[in-house]
Amino acid sequence: LDFFSILSVKLNGGRHVQGILRGFDPFMNLVVDDCLEMGPGGQQNTIGMVVSTSSVFLCC
């Protein structure tokens, strides 16, 4: 996992976002930029930057 990698991240609450990794720390806090939220039925919404401080599941 390195900076500028494109990640697909599943967040708590069933949300799924995909974007460019901008930062992380040893506690798995993530900063993901240029995010698309993947909705049901293939719907995609541009949401910009996501800062996740919760449990996540990474799909690289």
Protein backbone atom coordinates (compact mmCIF):
# COMPACT_ATOMS: atom_id res chain seq x y z
CA LEU A 1 0.00 0.00 0.00
CA ASP A 2 1.54 3.31 -1.03
CA PHE A 3 0.43 6.87 -1.69
CA PHE A 4 -1.52 7.55 -4.87
CA SER A 5 -2.82 3.97 -4.96
CA ILE A 6 -6.43 3.65 -6.04
CA LEU A 7 -8.40 1.97 -3.26
CA SER A 8 -11.82 0.49 -2.96
CA VAL A 9 -12.92 0.90 0.67
CA LYS A 10 -15.95 -0.53 2.46
CA LEU A 11 -16.86 1.65 5.43
CA ASN A 12 -19.06 0.96 8.43
CA GLY A 13 -22.73 1.33 7.64
CA GLY A 14 -22.47 -0.40 4.28
CA ARG A 15 -20.94 2.55 2.41
CA HIS A 16 -18.48 1.78 -0.38
CA VAL A 17 -16.09 4.41 -1.79
CA GLN A 18 -13.28 4.32 -4.31
CA GLY A 19 -10.53 6.92 -4.63
CA ILE A 20 -6.85 7.83 -4.36
CA LEU A 21 -4.98 7.18 -1.11
CA ARG A 22 -3.49 10.44 0.21
CA GLY A 23 -2.53 9.38 3.73
CA PHE A 24 -2.82 6.81 6.50
CA ASP A 25 -1.42 6.06 9.94
CA PRO A 26 -0.74 2.96 12.08
CA PHE A 27 -4.31 3.08 13.42
CA MET A 28 -5.77 2.65 9.88
CA ASN A 29 -7.12 6.19 9.74
CA LEU A 30 -7.32 6.95 6.02
CA VAL A 31 -7.48 10.02 3.81
CA VAL A 32 -8.88 9.16 0.38
CA ASP A 33 -9.27 11.86 -2.30
CA ASP A 34 -11.26 12.12 -5.54
CA CYS A 35 -13.80 9.66 -4.12
CA LEU A 36 -16.70 8.05 -5.85
CA GLU A 37 -19.44 6.60 -3.66
CA MET A 38 -20.63 3.33 -5.15
CA GLY A 39 -24.38 3.06 -4.77
CA PRO A 40 -26.82 0.25 -5.43
CA GLY A 41 -27.33 -0.72 -9.05
CA GLY A 42 -23.96 0.68 -10.16
CA GLN A 43 -24.89 4.27 -9.32
CA GLN A 44 -21.82 6.47 -8.63
CA ASN A 45 -21.73 9.83 -6.82
CA THR A 46 -18.65 12.07 -6.70
CA ILE A 47 -18.08 13.01 -3.05
CA GLY A 48 -14.53 14.44 -3.02
CA MET A 49 -12.35 13.70 0.03
CA VAL A 50 -13.10 11.09 2.70
CA VAL A 51 -11.35 11.03 6.08
CA SER A 52 -12.10 7.72 7.75
CA THR A 53 -11.40 7.27 11.46
CA SER A 54 -13.49 4.13 11.84
CA SER A 55 -13.12 0.48 10.99
CA VAL A 56 -12.69 -0.12 7.28
CA PHE A 57 -12.18 -3.06 4.97
CA LEU A 58 -9.68 -2.41 2.19
CA CYS A 59 -9.99 -4.00 -1.22
CA CYS A 60 -6.84 -3.06 -3.09
